[in-house]
Protein backbone atom coordinates (compact mmCIF):
# COMPACT_ATOMS: atom_id res chain seq x y z
CA MET A 1 150.35 57.15 16.85
CA PRO A 2 152.97 59.23 15.15
CA LEU A 3 155.19 59.36 18.51
CA LEU A 4 154.42 55.17 18.74
CA ALA A 5 155.06 54.09 15.19
CA GLY A 6 157.28 56.94 14.08
CA GLY A 7 159.92 56.20 17.11
CA ALA A 8 159.72 52.53 15.99
CA LEU A 9 161.37 53.52 13.00
CA GLU A 10 163.65 56.16 14.21
CA LEU A 11 165.05 53.94 16.42
CA PRO A 12 167.97 52.05 14.91
CA LEU A 13 168.49 55.24 12.95
CA GLY A 14 172.18 55.90 15.60
CA LEU A 15 173.39 53.17 15.34
CA LEU A 16 173.16 52.77 11.00
CA ALA A 17 174.59 56.86 10.77
CA CYS A 18 177.56 55.74 12.93
CA ASP A 19 179.98 57.06 10.20
CA PRO A 20 180.26 61.02 8.91
CA ARG A 21 179.49 59.32 5.30
CA ARG A 22 176.30 57.44 6.61
CA ARG A 23 175.56 60.29 8.66
CA ARG A 24 175.92 63.08 6.15
CA LEU A 25 173.44 60.39 3.25
CA ALA A 26 170.98 59.97 6.83
CA VAL A 27 171.13 63.74 7.72
CA LEU A 28 170.13 65.47 3.68
CA GLY A 29 167.68 62.39 3.27
CA GLY A 30 165.86 63.39 6.53
CA GLY A 31 165.96 66.62 5.88
CA ILE A 32 163.98 65.92 2.00
CA VAL A 33 161.15 64.37 4.16
CA PHE A 34 161.26 66.42 7.00
CA ILE A 35 160.34 69.57 4.09
CA LEU A 36 157.99 66.57 2.13
CA SER A 37 156.10 66.03 5.52
CA LEU A 38 155.47 69.54 6.48
CA ALA A 39 154.04 70.06 2.40
CA ALA A 40 151.95 67.20 3.33
CA VAL A 41 150.00 68.66 6.38
CA ALA A 42 149.61 71.72 5.29
CA SER A 43 147.98 69.73 1.95
CA ALA A 44 146.04 66.66 3.73
CA ARG A 45 142.20 66.81 3.01
CA SER A 46 141.95 63.59 5.44
CA PHE A 47 142.96 61.91 8.86
CA ALA A 48 144.71 58.94 7.03
CA VAL A 49 146.57 61.78 4.92
CA LEU A 50 147.34 64.01 8.35
CA LEU A 51 148.10 60.55 10.63
CA CYS A 52 151.23 59.10 7.99
CA ALA A 53 152.54 62.84 7.54
CA PHE A 54 152.94 63.16 11.48
CA THR A 55 154.21 59.70 11.17
CA ALA A 56 156.94 60.26 8.72
CA PHE A 57 157.82 63.94 10.43
CA PHE A 58 159.18 61.70 13.74
CA PRO A 59 161.75 59.72 11.92
CA ALA A 60 162.87 62.91 9.23
CA SER A 61 163.30 64.99 12.68
CA GLY A 62 165.37 62.26 13.61
CA ALA A 63 167.83 62.24 10.92
CA PHE A 64 167.91 65.76 9.76
CA VAL A 65 167.60 67.68 13.19
CA SER A 66 168.99 64.89 16.06
CA LEU A 67 171.94 63.44 13.70
CA THR A 68 172.97 67.55 12.75
CA GLN A 69 173.23 67.82 16.99
CA ALA A 70 175.10 64.61 17.04
CA GLU A 71 177.33 65.25 14.25
CA LEU A 72 178.39 68.83 16.52
CA MET A 73 179.19 66.71 19.48
CA ASP A 74 181.52 64.75 18.23
CA ALA A 75 183.69 67.39 16.15
CA TRP A 76 184.13 69.66 19.01
CA PRO A 77 184.55 67.21 22.03
CA GLY A 78 186.38 69.97 24.17
CA ARG A 79 183.31 72.36 23.67
CA GLN A 80 180.04 69.78 23.96
CA ALA A 81 178.36 72.04 26.99
CA THR A 82 178.83 75.15 25.06
CA ILE A 83 177.08 74.22 21.79
CA MET A 84 174.46 71.92 23.33
CA ALA A 85 173.73 75.57 25.82
CA ARG A 86 173.51 77.32 22.09
CA TRP A 87 171.59 74.58 20.39
CA ASP A 88 169.00 74.43 23.16
CA LEU A 89 168.83 78.43 22.78
CA ALA A 90 168.10 78.02 19.62
CA GLY A 91 165.70 75.16 20.43
CA SER A 92 164.06 77.79 22.98
CA ALA A 93 163.74 80.70 20.36
CA GLY A 94 162.20 78.39 17.73
CA ALA A 95 159.33 77.37 20.19
CA VAL A 96 158.93 80.99 20.89
CA ALA A 97 158.76 81.80 17.46
CA GLY A 98 156.59 79.21 16.12
CA PRO A 99 153.59 80.76 17.61
CA LEU A 100 154.30 84.32 16.35
CA LEU A 101 154.96 82.89 13.23
CA LEU A 102 151.33 80.93 13.34
CA THR A 103 150.08 84.42 14.50
CA LEU A 104 151.65 86.21 11.78
CA VAL A 105 149.93 84.28 9.24
CA LEU A 106 146.60 84.54 10.32
CA ALA A 107 146.95 88.06 11.12
CA GLY A 108 147.66 88.41 7.45
CA GLY A 109 144.56 86.27 6.36
CA GLY A 110 146.44 83.21 6.31
CA SER A 111 145.88 79.66 7.85
CA TRP A 112 147.52 77.08 9.70
CA ARG A 113 148.17 75.71 6.38
CA ALA A 114 150.17 78.28 5.35
CA ALA A 115 151.71 78.40 8.42
CA TYR A 116 153.12 74.87 7.87
CA LEU A 117 153.98 75.55 4.34
CA VAL A 118 156.22 78.59 5.15
CA LEU A 119 157.85 76.16 8.05
CA ALA A 120 158.85 74.02 5.09
CA ALA A 121 160.18 76.73 3.22
CA VAL A 122 162.43 77.20 6.07
CA ALA A 123 163.72 73.55 6.44
CA ALA A 124 164.63 73.81 2.92
CA ALA A 125 166.32 76.64 3.24
CA ALA A 126 168.10 75.19 6.36
CA TRP A 127 168.69 71.65 3.91
CA VAL A 128 170.36 73.82 1.06
CA ALA A 129 172.83 75.61 3.51
CA SER A 130 173.59 72.19 4.88
CA VAL A 131 174.38 70.87 0.73
CA LEU A 132 176.39 73.92 0.37
CA ARG A 133 178.48 73.63 3.50
CA ASP A 134 179.23 70.26 2.35
CA HIS A 135 180.51 71.38 -1.27
CA GLY A 136 182.49 74.50 0.24
CA PRO A 137 186.25 74.53 0.83
CA PRO A 138 186.48 73.57 4.22
CA ALA A 139 187.44 76.09 7.26
CA PRO A 140 186.93 74.52 10.49
CA PRO A 141 186.81 77.47 12.89
CA SER A 142 190.47 77.41 15.21
CA PRO A 143 190.18 75.05 18.96
CA ALA A 144 190.82 76.76 22.02
CA PRO A 145 194.27 75.31 23.83
CA GLY A 146 193.79 71.56 24.46
CA GLN A 147 191.07 71.23 22.05
CA THR A 148 190.94 68.98 19.43
CA PRO A 149 189.98 70.00 16.13
CA ALA A 150 187.26 69.30 14.07
CA GLY A 151 187.93 66.07 12.63
CA GLN A 152 190.82 64.93 13.90
CA GLN A 153 189.32 62.63 17.26
CA ALA A 154 190.65 59.25 17.18
CA SER A 155 187.12 57.81 17.89
CA PRO A 156 186.32 54.60 16.67
CA GLU A 157 182.39 56.23 15.57
CA MET A 158 184.03 59.16 13.56
CA ALA A 159 186.27 56.52 12.28
CA GLY A 160 183.66 54.43 11.04
CA SER A 161 185.60 51.53 12.46
CA GLN A 162 182.97 49.66 14.55
CA SER A 163 181.61 46.77 13.59
CA TRP A 164 178.07 46.15 14.67
CA THR A 165 179.03 43.91 17.65
CA ALA A 166 180.99 46.69 19.01
CA ARG A 167 177.84 48.98 18.57
CA ILE A 168 175.31 46.60 20.40
CA ARG A 169 177.54 46.84 23.21
CA ASP A 170 178.28 50.51 23.81
CA LEU A 171 174.22 50.66 23.39
CA ALA A 172 174.02 47.49 25.90
CA ALA A 173 176.79 49.37 28.50
CA ALA A 174 175.36 52.31 28.23
CA LEU A 175 171.78 50.82 29.18
CA ARG A 176 173.36 49.02 32.12
CA ASP A 177 174.67 52.44 33.47
CA TRP A 178 172.68 53.32 36.26
CA PRO A 179 172.08 57.57 35.76
CA THR A 180 172.01 57.08 32.17
CA ALA A 181 169.00 54.72 32.79
CA ARG A 182 167.62 56.82 35.69
CA TRP A 183 168.19 60.07 33.65
CA LEU A 184 166.11 59.02 30.55
CA ALA A 185 163.33 57.68 32.37
CA LEU A 186 162.96 60.35 34.36
CA LEU A 187 162.90 63.00 31.45
CA GLN A 188 159.91 60.60 30.06
CA VAL A 189 158.16 60.97 33.25
CA ALA A 190 158.23 64.34 33.52
CA ASP A 191 157.02 65.10 29.83
CA LEU A 192 153.16 63.51 31.25
CA LEU A 193 153.40 66.80 33.17
CA VAL A 194 154.27 68.59 30.26
CA ASP A 195 157.24 69.67 32.10
CA VAL A 196 159.74 69.28 29.06
CA LEU A 197 162.96 69.36 30.24
CA THR A 198 166.36 69.17 28.21
CA GLY A 199 168.31 66.21 28.72
CA PHE A 200 172.67 65.96 28.37
CA LEU A 201 173.11 62.67 27.64
CA ALA A 202 176.73 62.05 28.33
CA LEU A 203 178.15 58.54 26.18
CA PRO A 204 181.90 60.18 25.16
CA GLY A 205 182.58 59.76 21.44
CA ARG A 206 179.32 58.00 21.12
CA SER A 207 176.81 60.50 20.01
CA SER A 208 175.22 57.82 17.58
CA VAL A 209 174.68 55.52 20.99
CA ALA A 210 172.85 58.61 22.48
CA VAL A 211 170.54 59.00 19.75
CA THR A 212 169.53 55.70 19.64
CA LEU A 213 168.71 55.82 23.25
CA SER A 214 166.92 58.53 22.90
CA SER A 215 164.59 57.51 20.14
CA ALA A 216 163.82 54.00 22.60
CA ALA A 217 163.52 56.23 25.42
CA GLY A 218 160.73 58.44 23.95
CA LEU A 219 159.38 55.16 22.10
CA ALA A 220 158.72 53.86 25.69
CA GLY A 221 157.76 57.47 26.93
CA GLY A 222 154.70 57.55 24.54
CA LEU A 223 153.40 54.91 25.90
CA GLY A 224 152.37 57.29 28.91
CA PRO A 225 150.04 59.59 27.36
CA LEU A 226 148.32 56.51 25.40
CA ALA A 227 147.53 54.83 28.88
CA VAL A 228 146.76 57.92 30.73
CA GLY A 229 144.05 58.69 27.87
CA ILE A 230 142.61 55.02 28.19
CA ILE A 231 142.25 55.16 32.06
CA ALA A 232 140.61 58.25 31.68
CA GLU A 233 138.12 56.94 28.73
CA ARG A 234 137.35 53.28 30.84
CA ALA A 235 137.69 55.04 34.38
CA GLY A 236 136.81 58.45 34.41
CA LEU A 237 139.18 61.68 34.59
CA PRO A 238 140.06 61.87 38.03
CA TRP A 239 141.51 58.49 38.17
CA ALA A 240 143.75 59.50 35.38
CA LEU A 241 144.60 62.98 37.07
CA GLY A 242 145.44 60.37 40.18
CA VAL A 243 147.48 58.92 37.90
CA LEU A 244 149.55 61.85 37.15
CA ALA A 245 149.86 63.02 40.64
CA VAL A 246 152.13 60.22 41.28
CA VAL A 247 154.68 61.98 38.41
CA PRO A 248 156.01 64.80 41.29
CA VAL A 249 156.70 61.70 43.80
CA VAL A 250 158.32 59.52 41.34
CA ILE A 251 160.62 62.85 40.21
CA GLY A 252 161.42 63.36 44.18
CA ILE A 253 162.67 59.80 45.13
CA PHE A 254 164.84 59.56 41.95
CA GLY A 255 165.69 62.53 40.72
CA PRO A 256 168.92 64.65 41.89
CA GLY A 257 169.87 63.65 45.07
CA SER A 258 168.99 60.16 45.23
CA GLY A 259 172.00 58.61 44.80
CA GLY A 260 174.01 57.03 42.15
CA SER A 261 177.28 58.73 40.22
CA ARG A 262 176.69 61.10 37.69
CA ALA A 263 177.43 60.42 33.87
CA THR A 264 180.30 62.13 32.71
CA GLY A 265 181.44 63.20 29.13
CA ALA A 266 180.53 64.75 26.07
CA PRO A 267 176.36 65.54 26.09
CA ALA A 268 174.78 64.15 22.79
CA GLY A 269 171.50 65.87 23.11
CA PRO A 270 168.83 63.13 23.33
CA ARG A 271 165.81 65.67 24.13
CA ALA A 272 167.02 68.25 21.75
CA ARG A 273 164.00 67.29 19.56
CA THR A 274 161.29 68.03 22.25
CA THR A 275 162.09 71.37 21.56
CA ASP A 276 162.33 71.62 18.47
CA ARG A 277 159.82 69.54 16.87
CA SER A 278 156.34 70.90 16.37
CA ASP A 279 154.09 68.81 18.34
CA LYS A 280 155.89 69.98 21.28
């Protein structure tokens, strides 16, 4: 339920936050909801409150995490591969640190609620650092030869001059691109086997479109576990596992080497949340 309901709320996020000012407001606002949702999980005393907290966590994570990543992608149009590698490394480090944090809290006599409070405190520190960065003196790093400095690219998205019609056209064009649609589908199919892969969606200068496509793919992918659960309940666990056995076949047919040109350009990281969110 959090994946489906939260994904629906997150769906228009990328298109709404297409210019720098709106994006920063969405990042900071999402950060506040992100912190509050973690605190709500820690203090939840009923299933309803827990469900609402996790549902709010999904769009909040999309605003606070995914849009921050999109901002980095647009700021350095010549170094997206390097930045994505660092981003993925940070997410992997977080995935390892999570169980270690829980172990330390439990060893110290705390509970899982205390662990969520610690995460809320860490998120609050990150939010404050983001606010301080906005109010500090501009100090962009020196670009490498041949690179475009941050804030100087002539992207319509960064200039905030795109109309709603143009944004929808960009989204439709991306969906019609076979390599893009194929990889988005494969990432969701692979998740059915708990094989969370890292995705690099190329839409140069259109990271907001990438965020929207990521949300749409995640929303559609959330129907997979629901369908498997229904099959297991109605027909039994062997049939559900039989359905999952089809997943490697699909990946083999439509995966690498199955034909079609690969998209090139700036990776916009639609899968960042799979390594950053606590549910994964």
